[in-house]
């Protein structure tokens, strides 16, 4: 995920060099992850490096988008990331189509409480 766009209330999150996000304000968050793959794949939302404890993953048997929605209670210092759950197999992400470049991976946070 080379190109990154951040819309971040001042001090709410930190984007880490590995693509994970560190939470700086505790609360309940709606988190949506989206990955566009060029092949069959499986991905999960991870909190502090481990798969999230509730509905946390998605897969596709063909090239296309994987969308993973969830609601999580996060603490200050928690890190959230998207992890490849395809049995350790590297996955090719979908490139631009007809010259249109879109985000290959998105991790969206919305604080609910």
N, C-alpha and C. Protein backbone atom coordinates (compact mmCIF):
# COMPACT_ATOMS: atom_id res chain seq x y z
N UNK A 1 0.84 -1.16 0.00
CA UNK A 1 0.00 0.00 0.00
C UNK A 1 0.90 1.23 0.00
N UNK A 2 1.27 1.64 -1.17
CA UNK A 2 2.24 2.70 -1.32
C UNK A 2 1.63 4.07 -1.12
N UNK A 3 0.53 4.36 -1.78
CA UNK A 3 -0.09 5.67 -1.66
C UNK A 3 -1.03 5.67 -0.47
N UNK A 4 -0.88 6.69 0.40
CA UNK A 4 -1.66 6.75 1.62
C UNK A 4 -2.34 8.10 1.73
N UNK A 5 -3.63 8.10 2.01
CA UNK A 5 -4.38 9.32 2.28
C UNK A 5 -4.90 9.19 3.70
N UNK A 6 -4.63 10.21 4.51
CA UNK A 6 -5.05 10.15 5.91
C UNK A 6 -5.97 11.33 6.19
N UNK A 7 -7.15 11.03 6.70
CA UNK A 7 -8.03 12.05 7.25
C UNK A 7 -8.11 11.69 8.72
N UNK A 8 -7.49 12.51 9.57
CA UNK A 8 -7.25 12.12 10.96
C UNK A 8 -7.51 13.30 11.88
N UNK A 9 -8.50 13.18 12.77
CA UNK A 9 -8.63 14.23 13.77
C UNK A 9 -7.29 14.34 14.51
N UNK A 10 -6.85 15.54 14.75
CA UNK A 10 -5.53 15.75 15.35
C UNK A 10 -5.36 14.91 16.60
N UNK A 11 -4.34 14.06 16.59
CA UNK A 11 -4.00 13.27 17.76
C UNK A 11 -4.79 12.00 17.97
N UNK A 12 -5.68 11.62 17.06
CA UNK A 12 -6.51 10.44 17.27
C UNK A 12 -5.80 9.14 16.88
N UNK A 13 -4.96 9.19 15.84
CA UNK A 13 -4.29 7.99 15.33
C UNK A 13 -2.88 8.33 14.88
N UNK A 14 -2.06 7.30 14.77
CA UNK A 14 -0.74 7.42 14.17
C UNK A 14 -0.62 6.32 13.13
N UNK A 15 -0.21 6.69 11.91
CA UNK A 15 0.05 5.70 10.87
C UNK A 15 1.50 5.26 11.00
N UNK A 16 1.71 3.98 11.23
CA UNK A 16 3.05 3.43 11.43
C UNK A 16 3.68 3.06 10.10
N UNK A 17 4.99 2.94 10.09
CA UNK A 17 5.74 2.63 8.88
C UNK A 17 5.38 1.30 8.25
N UNK A 18 4.83 0.36 9.03
CA UNK A 18 4.46 -0.95 8.49
C UNK A 18 3.03 -0.98 7.96
N UNK A 19 2.35 0.18 7.96
CA UNK A 19 0.97 0.25 7.47
C UNK A 19 -0.08 0.05 8.53
N UNK A 20 0.32 -0.30 9.75
CA UNK A 20 -0.65 -0.43 10.84
C UNK A 20 -0.99 0.96 11.38
N UNK A 21 -2.06 1.03 12.14
CA UNK A 21 -2.50 2.28 12.75
C UNK A 21 -2.52 2.10 14.25
N UNK A 22 -1.91 3.05 14.98
CA UNK A 22 -1.94 3.04 16.44
C UNK A 22 -3.01 4.01 16.92
N UNK A 23 -3.86 3.53 17.83
CA UNK A 23 -4.97 4.32 18.38
C UNK A 23 -4.45 5.15 19.55
N UNK A 24 -4.76 6.45 19.54
CA UNK A 24 -4.35 7.34 20.62
C UNK A 24 -5.52 7.83 21.46
N UNK A 25 -6.75 7.49 21.05
CA UNK A 25 -7.96 7.82 21.82
C UNK A 25 -8.79 6.56 21.97
N UNK A 26 -8.94 6.09 23.21
CA UNK A 26 -9.75 4.89 23.48
C UNK A 26 -11.19 5.12 23.08
N UNK A 27 -11.88 4.06 22.68
CA UNK A 27 -13.28 4.18 22.34
C UNK A 27 -13.77 2.97 21.56
N UNK A 28 -15.02 3.06 21.15
CA UNK A 28 -15.62 2.03 20.31
C UNK A 28 -15.59 2.55 18.88
N UNK A 29 -15.02 1.75 17.99
CA UNK A 29 -14.80 2.16 16.61
C UNK A 29 -15.44 1.20 15.63
N UNK A 30 -16.05 1.76 14.59
CA UNK A 30 -16.42 0.98 13.41
C UNK A 30 -15.18 0.99 12.52
N UNK A 31 -14.68 -0.19 12.19
CA UNK A 31 -13.49 -0.30 11.34
C UNK A 31 -13.87 -1.12 10.12
N UNK A 32 -13.58 -0.57 8.97
CA UNK A 32 -13.82 -1.26 7.72
C UNK A 32 -12.48 -1.43 7.01
N UNK A 33 -12.21 -2.64 6.56
CA UNK A 33 -11.02 -2.91 5.77
C UNK A 33 -11.47 -3.34 4.38
N UNK A 34 -10.70 -2.92 3.38
CA UNK A 34 -10.99 -3.34 2.01
C UNK A 34 -9.67 -3.63 1.32
N UNK A 35 -9.60 -4.76 0.64
CA UNK A 35 -8.42 -5.14 -0.12
C UNK A 35 -8.90 -5.60 -1.49
N UNK A 36 -8.24 -5.11 -2.55
CA UNK A 36 -8.57 -5.53 -3.91
C UNK A 36 -7.46 -6.46 -4.39
N UNK A 37 -7.80 -7.72 -4.59
CA UNK A 37 -6.79 -8.70 -4.98
C UNK A 37 -6.90 -9.09 -6.45
N UNK A 38 -5.79 -9.54 -6.99
CA UNK A 38 -5.74 -10.00 -8.37
C UNK A 38 -5.89 -11.52 -8.44
N UNK A 39 -6.19 -12.15 -7.31
CA UNK A 39 -6.32 -13.61 -7.25
C UNK A 39 -7.14 -14.00 -6.02
N UNK A 40 -7.46 -15.27 -5.90
CA UNK A 40 -8.17 -15.75 -4.72
C UNK A 40 -7.33 -15.44 -3.48
N UNK A 41 -8.00 -14.96 -2.40
CA UNK A 41 -7.24 -14.57 -1.21
C UNK A 41 -8.15 -14.49 0.00
N UNK A 42 -7.51 -14.41 1.17
CA UNK A 42 -8.20 -14.25 2.44
C UNK A 42 -7.41 -13.25 3.29
N UNK A 43 -8.12 -12.27 3.87
CA UNK A 43 -7.49 -11.26 4.72
C UNK A 43 -8.29 -11.10 6.01
N UNK A 44 -7.64 -10.57 7.05
CA UNK A 44 -8.30 -10.34 8.33
C UNK A 44 -7.88 -8.99 8.90
N UNK A 45 -8.73 -8.45 9.79
CA UNK A 45 -8.36 -7.31 10.62
C UNK A 45 -7.64 -7.88 11.83
N UNK A 46 -6.50 -7.29 12.17
CA UNK A 46 -5.74 -7.73 13.35
C UNK A 46 -5.64 -6.57 14.33
N UNK A 47 -5.73 -6.90 15.61
CA UNK A 47 -5.54 -5.92 16.68
C UNK A 47 -4.34 -6.40 17.49
N UNK A 48 -3.35 -5.55 17.61
CA UNK A 48 -2.10 -5.87 18.31
C UNK A 48 -1.45 -7.14 17.75
N UNK A 49 -1.54 -7.31 16.43
CA UNK A 49 -0.87 -8.41 15.75
C UNK A 49 -1.61 -9.73 15.72
N UNK A 50 -2.76 -9.80 16.40
CA UNK A 50 -3.54 -11.05 16.43
C UNK A 50 -4.90 -10.81 15.77
N UNK A 51 -5.47 -11.83 15.13
CA UNK A 51 -6.79 -11.65 14.54
C UNK A 51 -7.79 -11.09 15.55
N UNK A 52 -8.59 -10.13 15.10
CA UNK A 52 -9.60 -9.51 15.96
C UNK A 52 -10.53 -10.59 16.50
N UNK A 53 -11.08 -10.38 17.72
CA UNK A 53 -11.84 -11.44 18.40
C UNK A 53 -13.25 -11.69 17.86
N UNK A 54 -13.75 -10.85 16.97
CA UNK A 54 -15.10 -11.04 16.43
C UNK A 54 -14.99 -11.18 14.92
N UNK A 55 -16.11 -11.12 14.23
CA UNK A 55 -16.09 -11.22 12.76
C UNK A 55 -14.96 -10.35 12.24
N UNK A 56 -13.97 -10.97 11.64
CA UNK A 56 -12.76 -10.22 11.36
C UNK A 56 -12.11 -10.50 10.02
N UNK A 57 -12.75 -11.28 9.18
CA UNK A 57 -12.08 -11.65 7.95
C UNK A 57 -13.01 -11.73 6.76
N UNK A 58 -12.39 -11.86 5.63
CA UNK A 58 -13.13 -12.03 4.40
C UNK A 58 -12.25 -12.69 3.36
N UNK A 59 -12.88 -13.27 2.36
CA UNK A 59 -12.11 -13.93 1.31
C UNK A 59 -12.86 -13.84 -0.01
N UNK A 60 -12.14 -14.14 -1.07
CA UNK A 60 -12.74 -14.19 -2.38
C UNK A 60 -12.11 -15.35 -3.15
N UNK A 61 -12.91 -16.13 -3.89
CA UNK A 61 -12.35 -17.24 -4.66
C UNK A 61 -11.77 -16.77 -6.00
N UNK A 62 -11.98 -15.50 -6.35
CA UNK A 62 -11.56 -14.95 -7.64
C UNK A 62 -10.94 -13.57 -7.40
N UNK A 63 -10.33 -12.98 -8.42
CA UNK A 63 -9.88 -11.60 -8.26
C UNK A 63 -11.06 -10.70 -7.90
N UNK A 64 -10.80 -9.72 -7.04
CA UNK A 64 -11.85 -8.79 -6.69
C UNK A 64 -11.67 -8.23 -5.29
N UNK A 65 -12.68 -7.48 -4.82
CA UNK A 65 -12.56 -6.85 -3.51
C UNK A 65 -12.94 -7.79 -2.37
N UNK A 66 -12.28 -7.59 -1.25
CA UNK A 66 -12.64 -8.23 0.01
C UNK A 66 -13.00 -7.09 0.96
N UNK A 67 -14.19 -7.12 1.53
CA UNK A 67 -14.64 -6.06 2.43
C UNK A 67 -14.89 -6.68 3.80
N UNK A 68 -14.28 -6.07 4.83
CA UNK A 68 -14.36 -6.61 6.19
C UNK A 68 -14.83 -5.50 7.14
N UNK A 69 -16.12 -5.50 7.52
CA UNK A 69 -16.60 -4.51 8.48
C UNK A 69 -16.59 -5.08 9.90
N UNK A 70 -16.47 -4.21 10.89
CA UNK A 70 -16.53 -4.68 12.28
C UNK A 70 -16.61 -3.51 13.25
N UNK A 71 -17.01 -3.81 14.48
CA UNK A 71 -17.06 -2.81 15.56
C UNK A 71 -16.19 -3.34 16.68
N UNK A 72 -15.26 -2.49 17.15
CA UNK A 72 -14.25 -2.92 18.12
C UNK A 72 -14.09 -1.90 19.23
N UNK A 73 -13.88 -2.39 20.45
CA UNK A 73 -13.55 -1.55 21.60
C UNK A 73 -12.03 -1.49 21.68
N UNK A 74 -11.45 -0.32 21.41
CA UNK A 74 -10.00 -0.19 21.34
C UNK A 74 -9.47 0.67 22.48
N UNK A 75 -8.29 0.34 22.94
CA UNK A 75 -7.62 1.08 24.00
C UNK A 75 -6.49 1.92 23.42
N UNK A 76 -6.05 2.91 24.17
CA UNK A 76 -4.89 3.71 23.77
C UNK A 76 -3.70 2.77 23.60
N UNK A 77 -3.01 2.90 22.48
CA UNK A 77 -1.84 2.06 22.20
C UNK A 77 -2.13 0.82 21.37
N UNK A 78 -3.41 0.46 21.20
CA UNK A 78 -3.73 -0.68 20.34
C UNK A 78 -3.31 -0.37 18.91
N UNK A 79 -2.84 -1.40 18.21
CA UNK A 79 -2.52 -1.25 16.80
C UNK A 79 -3.49 -2.09 15.98
N UNK A 80 -3.90 -1.55 14.86
CA UNK A 80 -4.85 -2.23 13.98
C UNK A 80 -4.20 -2.34 12.60
N UNK A 81 -4.37 -3.50 11.98
CA UNK A 81 -3.79 -3.71 10.66
C UNK A 81 -4.63 -4.70 9.86
N UNK A 82 -4.34 -4.79 8.60
CA UNK A 82 -4.93 -5.80 7.72
C UNK A 82 -3.84 -6.86 7.50
N UNK A 83 -4.18 -8.13 7.75
CA UNK A 83 -3.18 -9.18 7.57
C UNK A 83 -3.64 -10.20 6.52
N UNK A 84 -2.68 -10.73 5.81
CA UNK A 84 -2.91 -11.76 4.80
C UNK A 84 -3.11 -13.09 5.53
N UNK A 85 -4.25 -13.71 5.30
CA UNK A 85 -4.55 -14.99 5.94
C UNK A 85 -4.64 -16.10 4.89
N UNK A 86 -3.82 -16.00 3.85
CA UNK A 86 -3.86 -16.95 2.74
C UNK A 86 -2.79 -18.02 2.89
N UNK A 87 -2.70 -18.63 4.07
CA UNK A 87 -1.75 -19.71 4.34
C UNK A 87 -0.31 -19.32 4.04
N UNK A 88 0.04 -18.06 4.29
CA UNK A 88 1.41 -17.60 4.09
C UNK A 88 1.78 -17.33 2.65
N UNK A 89 0.83 -17.48 1.74
CA UNK A 89 1.09 -17.25 0.32
C UNK A 89 1.06 -15.76 0.02
N UNK A 90 2.10 -15.21 -0.60
CA UNK A 90 2.04 -13.80 -1.00
C UNK A 90 0.90 -13.60 -2.01
N UNK A 91 0.18 -12.51 -1.87
CA UNK A 91 -0.97 -12.22 -2.72
C UNK A 91 -0.68 -10.98 -3.56
N UNK A 92 -1.02 -11.05 -4.85
CA UNK A 92 -0.88 -9.90 -5.73
C UNK A 92 -2.13 -9.04 -5.61
N UNK A 93 -1.93 -7.74 -5.35
CA UNK A 93 -3.07 -6.83 -5.28
C UNK A 93 -3.43 -6.35 -6.67
N UNK A 94 -4.70 -6.00 -6.85
CA UNK A 94 -5.22 -5.58 -8.15
C UNK A 94 -4.66 -4.22 -8.53
N UNK A 95 -4.13 -4.11 -9.73
CA UNK A 95 -3.61 -2.85 -10.22
C UNK A 95 -4.70 -2.00 -10.85
N UNK A 96 -4.31 -0.91 -11.45
CA UNK A 96 -5.26 -0.03 -12.12
C UNK A 96 -5.88 -0.70 -13.33
N UNK A 97 -7.10 -0.29 -13.67
CA UNK A 97 -7.81 -0.82 -14.83
C UNK A 97 -8.12 0.35 -15.75
N UNK A 98 -7.79 0.21 -17.02
CA UNK A 98 -8.02 1.25 -18.02
C UNK A 98 -7.47 2.60 -17.56
N UNK A 99 -6.30 2.58 -16.93
CA UNK A 99 -5.65 3.82 -16.51
C UNK A 99 -6.16 4.41 -15.22
N UNK A 100 -7.21 3.81 -14.63
CA UNK A 100 -7.76 4.31 -13.38
C UNK A 100 -7.08 3.61 -12.22
N UNK A 101 -6.39 4.37 -11.39
CA UNK A 101 -5.71 3.81 -10.22
C UNK A 101 -6.61 4.00 -9.01
N UNK A 102 -6.89 2.93 -8.31
CA UNK A 102 -7.71 3.01 -7.10
C UNK A 102 -6.91 2.48 -5.92
N UNK A 103 -7.39 2.73 -4.73
CA UNK A 103 -6.71 2.23 -3.54
C UNK A 103 -6.79 0.71 -3.53
N UNK A 104 -5.65 0.06 -3.37
CA UNK A 104 -5.60 -1.40 -3.32
C UNK A 104 -5.95 -1.93 -1.94
N UNK A 105 -5.77 -1.09 -0.94
CA UNK A 105 -6.12 -1.46 0.43
C UNK A 105 -6.58 -0.23 1.19
N UNK A 106 -7.65 -0.39 1.96
CA UNK A 106 -8.20 0.72 2.74
C UNK A 106 -8.48 0.23 4.15
N UNK A 107 -8.13 1.03 5.13
CA UNK A 107 -8.46 0.76 6.52
C UNK A 107 -9.12 2.02 7.05
N UNK A 108 -10.45 1.96 7.28
CA UNK A 108 -11.23 3.14 7.66
C UNK A 108 -11.71 3.00 9.10
N UNK A 109 -11.53 4.07 9.88
CA UNK A 109 -11.96 4.11 11.28
C UNK A 109 -13.04 5.16 11.44
N UNK A 110 -14.07 4.84 12.24
CA UNK A 110 -15.06 5.83 12.65
C UNK A 110 -15.33 5.62 14.13
N UNK A 111 -15.05 6.64 14.93
CA UNK A 111 -15.27 6.50 16.38
C UNK A 111 -16.75 6.65 16.67
N UNK A 112 -17.35 5.65 17.32
CA UNK A 112 -18.77 5.66 17.66
C UNK A 112 -19.00 6.22 19.06
N UNK A 113 -18.16 5.84 20.01
CA UNK A 113 -18.25 6.31 21.40
C UNK A 113 -16.86 6.54 21.95
